[in-house]
C-alpha atoms as a PDB file:
ATOM      1  CA  MET A   1       0.000   0.000   0.000  1.00  0.00           C
ATOM      2  CA  LYS A   2       1.434   3.339  -1.077  1.00  0.00           C
ATOM      3  CA  THR A   3       1.329   6.208   1.417  1.00  0.00           C
ATOM      4  CA  ILE A   4       0.302   9.664   0.216  1.00  0.00           C
ATOM      5  CA  LEU A   5       0.944  12.817   2.243  1.00  0.00           C
ATOM      6  CA  LEU A   6      -1.831  15.305   1.430  1.00  0.00           C
ATOM      7  CA  VAL A   7      -1.012  18.902   2.389  1.00  0.00           C
ATOM      8  CA  ASP A   8      -3.738  21.550   2.021  1.00  0.00           C
ATOM      9  CA  ASP A   9      -5.190  24.111   4.420  1.00  0.00           C
ATOM     10  CA  GLU A  10      -8.735  23.576   3.085  1.00  0.00           C
ATOM     11  CA  GLU A  11     -10.380  20.760   5.014  1.00  0.00           C
ATOM     12  CA  LYS A  12     -13.001  20.137   2.310  1.00  0.00           C
ATOM     13  CA  ILE A  13     -10.337  19.575  -0.358  1.00  0.00           C
ATOM     14  CA  ARG A  14      -8.429  17.193   1.918  1.00  0.00           C
ATOM     15  CA  GLU A  15     -11.595  15.275   2.733  1.00  0.00           C
ATOM     16  CA  VAL A  16     -12.644  14.814  -0.908  1.00  0.00           C
ATOM     17  CA  LEU A  17      -9.183  13.836  -2.123  1.00  0.00           C
ATOM     18  CA  ARG A  18      -8.671  11.467   0.808  1.00  0.00           C
ATOM     19  CA  LEU A  19     -11.920   9.639   0.000  1.00  0.00           C
ATOM     20  CA  TYR A  20     -11.007   9.264  -3.674  1.00  0.00           C
ATOM     21  CA  LEU A  21      -7.448   8.160  -2.907  1.00  0.00           C
ATOM     22  CA  GLU A  22      -8.502   5.678  -0.221  1.00  0.00           C
ATOM     23  CA  LYS A  23     -11.051   4.217  -2.633  1.00  0.00           C
ATOM     24  CA  GLU A  24      -8.102   3.446  -4.945  1.00  0.00           C
ATOM     25  CA  GLY A  25      -6.232   1.676  -2.154  1.00  0.00           C
ATOM     26  CA  PHE A  26      -3.868   4.415  -0.986  1.00  0.00           C
ATOM     27  CA  LEU A  27      -3.074   5.183   2.651  1.00  0.00           C
ATOM     28  CA  VAL A  28      -3.519   8.936   3.130  1.00  0.00           C
ATOM     29  CA  LEU A  29      -1.874  11.107   5.785  1.00  0.00           C
ATOM     30  CA  GLU A  30      -3.066  14.704   6.057  1.00  0.00           C
ATOM     31  CA  ALA A  31      -1.435  18.000   7.027  1.00  0.00           C
ATOM     32  CA  GLN A  32      -3.042  21.441   7.052  1.00  0.00           C
ATOM     33  CA  ASP A  33       0.117  23.543   7.138  1.00  0.00           C
ATOM     34  CA  GLY A  34       3.828  23.396   6.402  1.00  0.00           C
ATOM     35  CA  LYS A  35       4.981  22.664   9.928  1.00  0.00           C
ATOM     36  CA  GLU A  36       2.664  19.693  10.234  1.00  0.00           C
ATOM     37  CA  ALA A  37       3.635  18.503   6.744  1.00  0.00           C
ATOM     38  CA  LEU A  38       7.363  18.456   7.531  1.00  0.00           C
ATOM     39  CA  LYS A  39       6.683  16.685  10.833  1.00  0.00           C
ATOM     40  CA  ARG A  40       4.634  13.942   9.163  1.00  0.00           C
ATOM     41  CA  PHE A  41       7.205  13.572   6.407  1.00  0.00           C
ATOM     42  CA  SER A  42       9.952  13.011   8.967  1.00  0.00           C
ATOM     43  CA  GLU A  43       7.908  10.463  10.901  1.00  0.00           C
ATOM     44  CA  HIS A  44       6.559   8.283   8.080  1.00  0.00           C
ATOM     45  CA  LYS A  45       7.711   6.604   4.892  1.00  0.00           C
ATOM     46  CA  ILE A  46       5.964   8.692   2.248  1.00  0.00           C
ATOM     47  CA  ASP A  47       5.659   7.490  -1.360  1.00  0.00           C
ATOM     48  CA  LEU A  48       4.210  10.703  -2.823  1.00  0.00           C
ATOM     49  CA  ILE A  49       3.237  14.193  -1.646  1.00  0.00           C
ATOM     50  CA  ILE A  50       0.275  16.247  -2.853  1.00  0.00           C
ATOM     51  CA  LEU A  51       1.254  19.766  -1.832  1.00  0.00           C
ATOM     52  CA  ASP A  52      -0.788  22.965  -2.003  1.00  0.00           C
ATOM     53  CA  LEU A  53       1.189  25.998  -3.160  1.00  0.00           C
ATOM     54  CA  MET A  54      -0.622  28.555  -1.000  1.00  0.00           C
ATOM     55  CA  LEU A  55      -0.311  27.570   2.652  1.00  0.00           C
ATOM     56  CA  PRO A  56      -0.246  29.670   5.845  1.00  0.00           C
ATOM     57  CA  GLU A  57       3.136  30.487   7.393  1.00  0.00           C
ATOM     58  CA  ILE A  58       5.307  28.213   5.203  1.00  0.00           C
ATOM     59  CA  ASP A  59       4.195  28.061   1.576  1.00  0.00           C
ATOM     60  CA  GLY A  60       4.365  25.004  -0.654  1.00  0.00           C
ATOM     61  CA  MET A  61       7.487  26.204  -2.453  1.00  0.00           C
ATOM     62  CA  GLU A  62       9.482  26.398   0.763  1.00  0.00           C
ATOM     63  CA  ILE A  63       8.203  23.008   1.934  1.00  0.00           C
ATOM     64  CA  ALA A  64       9.190  21.416  -1.376  1.00  0.00           C
ATOM     65  CA  LYS A  65      12.646  22.994  -1.234  1.00  0.00           C
ATOM     66  CA  GLU A  66      13.134  21.722   2.313  1.00  0.00           C
ATOM     67  CA  ILE A  67      12.058  18.194   1.367  1.00  0.00           C
ATOM     68  CA  ARG A  68      14.273  18.223  -1.723  1.00  0.00           C
ATOM     69  CA  LYS A  69      17.334  18.755   0.501  1.00  0.00           C
ATOM     70  CA  THR A  70      17.049  15.154   1.681  1.00  0.00           C
ATOM     71  CA  SER A  71      14.568  13.339  -0.569  1.00  0.00           C
ATOM     72  CA  LEU A  72      13.511  12.813  -4.178  1.00  0.00           C
ATOM     73  CA  VAL A  73      10.015  11.687  -3.196  1.00  0.00           C
ATOM     74  CA  PRO A  74       7.551  12.533  -6.003  1.00  0.00           C
ATOM     75  CA  ILE A  75       5.663  15.810  -5.427  1.00  0.00           C
ATOM     76  CA  ILE A  76       2.459  16.972  -7.118  1.00  0.00           C
ATOM     77  CA  MET A  77       1.794  20.680  -6.560  1.00  0.00           C
ATOM     78  CA  LEU A  78      -1.731  22.102  -6.209  1.00  0.00           C
ATOM     79  CA  THR A  79      -2.153  25.741  -7.175  1.00  0.00           C
ATOM     80  CA  ALA A  80      -5.136  28.078  -7.387  1.00  0.00           C
ATOM     81  CA  ARG A  81      -3.148  30.395  -9.627  1.00  0.00           C
ATOM     82  CA  GLY A  82      -2.816  29.546 -13.286  1.00  0.00           C
ATOM     83  CA  GLU A  83      -0.006  31.883 -14.275  1.00  0.00           C
ATOM     84  CA  GLU A  84       2.777  30.126 -16.164  1.00  0.00           C
ATOM     85  CA  ILE A  85       5.416  31.451 -13.759  1.00  0.00           C
ATOM     86  CA  ASP A  86       3.869  29.527 -10.871  1.00  0.00           C
ATOM     87  CA  LYS A  87       3.890  26.335 -12.882  1.00  0.00           C
ATOM     88  CA  ILE A  88       7.474  26.813 -13.980  1.00  0.00           C
ATOM     89  CA  LEU A  89       8.595  27.631 -10.442  1.00  0.00           C
ATOM     90  CA  GLY A  90       6.797  24.539  -9.201  1.00  0.00           C
ATOM     91  CA  LEU A  91       8.808  22.462 -11.636  1.00  0.00           C
ATOM     92  CA  GLU A  92      12.025  24.335 -10.936  1.00  0.00           C
ATOM     93  CA  ILE A  93      12.027  23.304  -7.289  1.00  0.00           C
ATOM     94  CA  GLY A  94      11.714  19.688  -8.284  1.00  0.00           C
ATOM     95  CA  ALA A  95       7.972  19.056  -8.368  1.00  0.00           C
ATOM     96  CA  ASP A  96       7.022  16.142 -10.606  1.00  0.00           C
ATOM     97  CA  ASP A  97       3.665  17.534 -11.660  1.00  0.00           C
ATOM     98  CA  TYR A  98       1.105  20.222 -10.830  1.00  0.00           C
ATOM     99  CA  VAL A  99      -2.679  20.580 -10.919  1.00  0.00           C
ATOM    100  CA  VAL A 100      -4.498  23.910 -11.173  1.00  0.00           C
ATOM    101  CA  LYS A 101      -7.575  24.453  -8.977  1.00  0.00           C
ATOM    102  CA  PRO A 102     -10.454  23.893  -9.424  1.00  0.00           C
ATOM    103  CA  PHE A 103      -9.759  20.308 -10.417  1.00  0.00           C
ATOM    104  CA  SER A 104     -11.520  16.980 -10.659  1.00  0.00           C
ATOM    105  CA  PRO A 105     -10.570  14.549  -7.853  1.00  0.00           C
ATOM    106  CA  ARG A 106     -10.446  11.812 -10.499  1.00  0.00           C
ATOM    107  CA  GLU A 107      -7.837  13.837 -12.387  1.00  0.00           C
ATOM    108  CA  VAL A 108      -5.680  14.113  -9.259  1.00  0.00           C
ATOM    109  CA  VAL A 109      -5.944  10.355  -8.657  1.00  0.00           C
ATOM    110  CA  ALA A 110      -4.950   9.712 -12.280  1.00  0.00           C
ATOM    111  CA  ARG A 111      -1.941  12.005 -11.883  1.00  0.00           C
ATOM    112  CA  VAL A 112      -0.939  10.246  -8.659  1.00  0.00           C
ATOM    113  CA  LYS A 113      -1.061   6.846 -10.348  1.00  0.00           C
ATOM    114  CA  ALA A 114       0.901   8.121 -13.346  1.00  0.00           C
ATOM    115  CA  VAL A 115       3.654   9.686 -11.222  1.00  0.00           C
ATOM    116  CA  LEU A 116       3.991   6.578  -9.028  1.00  0.00           C
ATOM    117  CA  ARG A 117       4.044   4.296 -12.061  1.00  0.00           C
ATOM    118  CA  ARG A 118       6.657   6.493 -13.700  1.00  0.00           C
ATOM    119  CA  SER A 119       8.896   6.720 -10.655  1.00  0.00           C
ATOM    120  CA  SER A 120       8.950   2.957 -10.109  1.00  0.00           C
ATOM    121  CA  GLY A 121       8.977   1.693 -13.683  1.00  0.00           C
ATOM    122  CA  ILE A 122      12.114   0.719 -15.593  1.00  0.00           C
ATOM    123  CA  PRO A 123      12.040  -0.407 -19.232  1.00  0.00           C
ATOM    124  CA  GLU A 124      12.479  -4.179 -19.075  1.00  0.00           C
ATOM    125  CA  LYS A 125      15.027  -4.383 -21.893  1.00  0.00           C
ATOM    126  CA  GLU A 126      17.278  -1.872 -20.102  1.00  0.00           C
ATOM    127  CA  ALA A 127      16.681  -2.875 -16.485  1.00  0.00           C
ATOM    128  CA  SER A 128      19.594  -5.252 -15.965  1.00  0.00           C
ATOM    129  CA  SER A 129      22.249  -3.436 -17.969  1.00  0.00           C
ATOM    130  CA  VAL A 130      24.346  -0.334 -17.540  1.00  0.00           C
ATOM    131  CA  ILE A 131      23.807   2.124 -20.386  1.00  0.00           C
ATOM    132  CA  LYS A 132      26.915   3.940 -21.561  1.00  0.00           C
ATOM    133  CA  GLN A 133      26.732   6.766 -24.071  1.00  0.00           C
ATOM    134  CA  GLY A 134      29.831   8.888 -24.443  1.00  0.00           C
ATOM    135  CA  ILE A 135      30.708  10.286 -21.009  1.00  0.00           C
ATOM    136  CA  LEU A 136      27.214   9.467 -19.728  1.00  0.00           C
ATOM    137  CA  GLU A 137      26.494   6.333 -17.693  1.00  0.00           C
ATOM    138  CA  ILE A 138      23.045   5.228 -16.536  1.00  0.00           C
ATOM    139  CA  HIS A 139      22.323   2.468 -13.998  1.00  0.00           C
ATOM    140  CA  PRO A 140      18.561   1.812 -14.400  1.00  0.00           C
ATOM    141  CA  GLU A 141      18.130  -0.587 -11.471  1.00  0.00           C
ATOM    142  CA  ALA A 142      19.877   1.756  -9.044  1.00  0.00           C
ATOM    143  CA  ARG A 143      18.389   4.804 -10.829  1.00  0.00           C
ATOM    144  CA  GLU A 144      21.811   6.424 -10.885  1.00  0.00           C
ATOM    145  CA  VAL A 145      23.384   8.682 -13.483  1.00  0.00           C
ATOM    146  CA  LYS A 146      27.064   9.536 -13.839  1.00  0.00           C
ATOM    147  CA  VAL A 147      28.890  12.001 -16.068  1.00  0.00           C
ATOM    148  CA  ASN A 148      32.639  11.419 -16.367  1.00  0.00           C
ATOM    149  CA  GLY A 149      32.326   9.049 -13.406  1.00  0.00           C
ATOM    150  CA  GLU A 150      30.737  11.705 -11.166  1.00  0.00           C
ATOM    151  CA  GLU A 151      27.215  11.035  -9.903  1.00  0.00           C
ATOM    152  CA  VAL A 152      24.485  13.425 -11.018  1.00  0.00           C
ATOM    153  CA  VAL A 153      21.457  13.745  -8.732  1.00  0.00           C
ATOM    154  CA  LEU A 154      18.193  13.788 -10.687  1.00  0.00           C
ATOM    155  CA  THR A 155      14.570  13.909  -9.565  1.00  0.00           C
ATOM    156  CA  PRO A 156      12.490  10.809 -10.448  1.00  0.00           C
ATOM    157  CA  LEU A 157      10.931  12.650 -13.381  1.00  0.00           C
ATOM    158  CA  GLU A 158      14.270  13.916 -14.693  1.00  0.00           C
ATOM    159  CA  PHE A 159      15.678  10.396 -14.512  1.00  0.00           C
ATOM    160  CA  ASP A 160      12.715   8.914 -16.382  1.00  0.00           C
ATOM    161  CA  LEU A 161      12.868  11.636 -19.025  1.00  0.00           C
ATOM    162  CA  LEU A 162      16.570  10.979 -19.603  1.00  0.00           C
ATOM    163  CA  LEU A 163      16.071   7.209 -19.662  1.00  0.00           C
ATOM    164  CA  TYR A 164      13.263   7.492 -22.199  1.00  0.00           C
ATOM    165  CA  LEU A 165      15.352   9.733 -24.442  1.00  0.00           C
ATOM    166  CA  VAL A 166      18.332   7.380 -24.209  1.00  0.00           C
ATOM    167  CA  THR A 167      16.336   4.194 -24.833  1.00  0.00           C
ATOM    168  CA  ASN A 168      14.941   5.890 -27.941  1.00  0.00           C
ATOM    169  CA  ARG A 169      18.288   7.320 -28.976  1.00  0.00           C
ATOM    170  CA  GLY A 170      18.487   8.626 -32.501  1.00  0.00           C
ATOM    171  CA  LYS A 171      14.733   9.155 -32.745  1.00  0.00           C
ATOM    172  CA  ALA A 172      13.153  12.595 -32.958  1.00  0.00           C
ATOM    173  CA  LEU A 173      10.529  12.622 -30.195  1.00  0.00           C
ATOM    174  CA  SER A 174       7.769  15.206 -30.122  1.00  0.00           C
ATOM    175  CA  ARG A 175       6.814  16.963 -26.911  1.00  0.00           C
ATOM    176  CA  GLU A 176       3.468  15.190 -27.093  1.00  0.00           C
ATOM    177  CA  GLN A 177       5.207  11.802 -27.294  1.00  0.00           C
ATOM    178  CA  LEU A 178       7.353  12.660 -24.296  1.00  0.00           C
ATOM    179  CA  LEU A 179       4.342  13.825 -22.298  1.00  0.00           C
ATOM    180  CA  ALA A 180       2.387  10.674 -23.120  1.00  0.00           C
ATOM    181  CA  ASN A 181       5.226   8.232 -22.451  1.00  0.00           C
ATOM    182  CA  VAL A 182       7.134   9.896 -19.612  1.00  0.00           C
ATOM    183  CA  TRP A 183       4.401  11.802 -17.789  1.00  0.00           C
ATOM    184  CA  GLY A 184       2.028   8.928 -18.463  1.00  0.00           C
ATOM    185  CA  TYR A 185      -1.079  10.816 -19.585  1.00  0.00           C
ATOM    186  CA  ASP A 186      -2.171  13.461 -22.058  1.00  0.00           C
ATOM    187  CA  TYR A 187      -1.093  16.909 -20.953  1.00  0.00           C
ATOM    188  CA  PHE A 188      -2.753  19.063 -23.600  1.00  0.00           C
ATOM    189  CA  GLY A 189      -1.615  22.665 -23.887  1.00  0.00           C
ATOM    190  CA  GLU A 190       1.401  22.279 -21.618  1.00  0.00           C
ATOM    191  CA  ALA A 191       4.177  21.306 -24.009  1.00  0.00           C
ATOM    192  CA  ARG A 192       6.349  23.935 -22.290  1.00  0.00           C
ATOM    193  CA  THR A 193       6.503  21.545 -19.335  1.00  0.00           C
ATOM    194  CA  VAL A 194       8.814  19.354 -21.419  1.00  0.00           C
ATOM    195  CA  ASP A 195      11.036  22.320 -22.309  1.00  0.00           C
ATOM    196  CA  THR A 196      11.365  23.264 -18.646  1.00  0.00           C
ATOM    197  CA  HIS A 197      12.451  19.767 -17.640  1.00  0.00           C
ATOM    198  CA  VAL A 198      14.842  19.418 -20.564  1.00  0.00           C
ATOM    199  CA  THR A 199      16.460  22.714 -19.544  1.00  0.00           C
ATOM    200  CA  ARG A 200      16.932  21.479 -15.979  1.00  0.00           C
ATOM    201  CA  LEU A 201      18.218  18.132 -17.203  1.00  0.00           C
ATOM    202  CA  ARG A 202      20.782  19.765 -19.469  1.00  0.00           C
ATOM    203  CA  GLU A 203      21.968  21.980 -16.616  1.00  0.00           C
ATOM    204  CA  LYS A 204      22.557  18.940 -14.408  1.00  0.00           C
ATOM    205  CA  LEU A 205      24.249  16.873 -17.133  1.00  0.00           C
ATOM    206  CA  GLN A 206      26.735  19.690 -17.785  1.00  0.00           C
ATOM    207  CA  GLU A 207      29.325  18.297 -20.242  1.00  0.00           C
ATOM    208  CA  ALA A 208      26.841  15.693 -21.490  1.00  0.00           C
ATOM    209  CA  ALA A 209      24.093  18.284 -22.031  1.00  0.00           C
ATOM    210  CA  SER A 210      24.833  18.422 -25.768  1.00  0.00           C
ATOM    211  CA  TYR A 211      23.651  14.809 -26.110  1.00  0.00           C
ATOM    212  CA  ILE A 212      20.057  16.048 -25.870  1.00  0.00           C
ATOM    213  CA  LYS A 213      19.496  17.699 -29.218  1.00  0.00           C
ATOM    214  CA  THR A 214      16.669  20.106 -30.023  1.00  0.00           C
ATOM    215  CA  VAL A 215      14.778  19.081 -33.149  1.00  0.00           C
ATOM    216  CA  TRP A 216      13.213  22.342 -34.275  1.00  0.00           C
ATOM    217  CA  GLY A 217       9.492  22.163 -34.897  1.00  0.00           C
ATOM    218  CA  VAL A 218       9.312  18.682 -33.355  1.00  0.00           C
ATOM    219  CA  GLY A 219      10.885  18.210 -29.939  1.00  0.00           C
ATOM    220  CA  TYR A 220      14.082  16.469 -28.838  1.00  0.00           C
ATOM    221  CA  LYS A 221      16.306  13.491 -29.510  1.00  0.00           C
ATOM    222  CA  PHE A 222      19.257  11.862 -27.758  1.00  0.00           C
ATOM    223  CA  GLU A 223      22.340  11.485 -29.917  1.00  0.00           C
ATOM    224  CA  VAL A 224      26.031  11.070 -29.230  1.00  0.00           C
ATOM    225  CA  LYS A 225      28.241  11.950 -32.176  1.00  0.00           C
ATOM    226  CA  ASN A 226      31.921  11.141 -32.591  1.00  0.00           C
ATOM    227  CA  GLY A 227      33.870  13.692 -30.642  1.00  0.00           C
ATOM    228  CA  ASP A 228      31.050  14.455 -28.193  1.00  0.00           C
END
């Protein structure tokens, strides 16, 4: 049974989401503010966090940043504000997904399932082998990435995005394909989400960043050329 930490200061939202999540077999722990959220996170083994952006005292951004200091647990951000900057910031601090209020509880449950499936799934054909491409080395079973022998710390989503690109190396992949196969569901109108994550991934890969090529008008592909 997977444990979900649900953090929102609105009791009605927590109650509705808890009922839907429990119906799908999840164990749900609740917190109404940042202090309580951090306390529960430290006391329990949490598999995923649903985190409201606007919270009293400590907002969701600060909570996510604090959690990211010690954990790569998947985080889904809830926000009542639809401005692109909020979404981008939510992704920049390492959130795996976000949902804009008002939302359907069924949509949130679907996102939870997709993120959990993504963070635990490894392509079978690649699972038992170490993937080496140029100066990049990926260990799928351990979910580790190294560049020039130095470990690179990626969020679960960043790792899965890189692994999908590498296992489809040489192929031009559209943003829609990446959303469907990495995020695990249709994410209409938010192709920029892919660009944001690719930017972060390139920053972390440093010398190996050039392996992720931009295919103009399409999306991205992974390619290592002689001399790279």
